[in-house]
Amino acid sequence: MMTNSAVKEQLINEIERLPQNDLREVLDFVRYVRSKRDQPEPSPRGGKLDPRKDPVLKLMGTADVEPFADAIDEELYGRVGLYHRLRA
């Protein structure tokens, strides 16, 4: 296993051998790697979701309420849902 000093030295050697136009890409990659470390950890699956913080969660389930659900079935599958059949 290489020590941190050896890895840094190898990186410097490799960077010095790169063409000038590739240096920007390497810099962007290093910044990307550092930014990932600074981001908060995602909440684990099963974590509590808060609709007040996520506007999409507020909308979830609205299409399950009649007459929306049947209208979606009709649009997607070309068939009239139970709600519209009972009202006809």
Foldseek 3Di string as FASTA:
>chain_A
DDDPVVVVVVVVVVLVPDDPVCNVVVVVVVVVVVVVVVDDDDDDPVDDDDCVVPVVVVCPPPCVDPPNVQVVCCVPVVDGDPVVVVVD
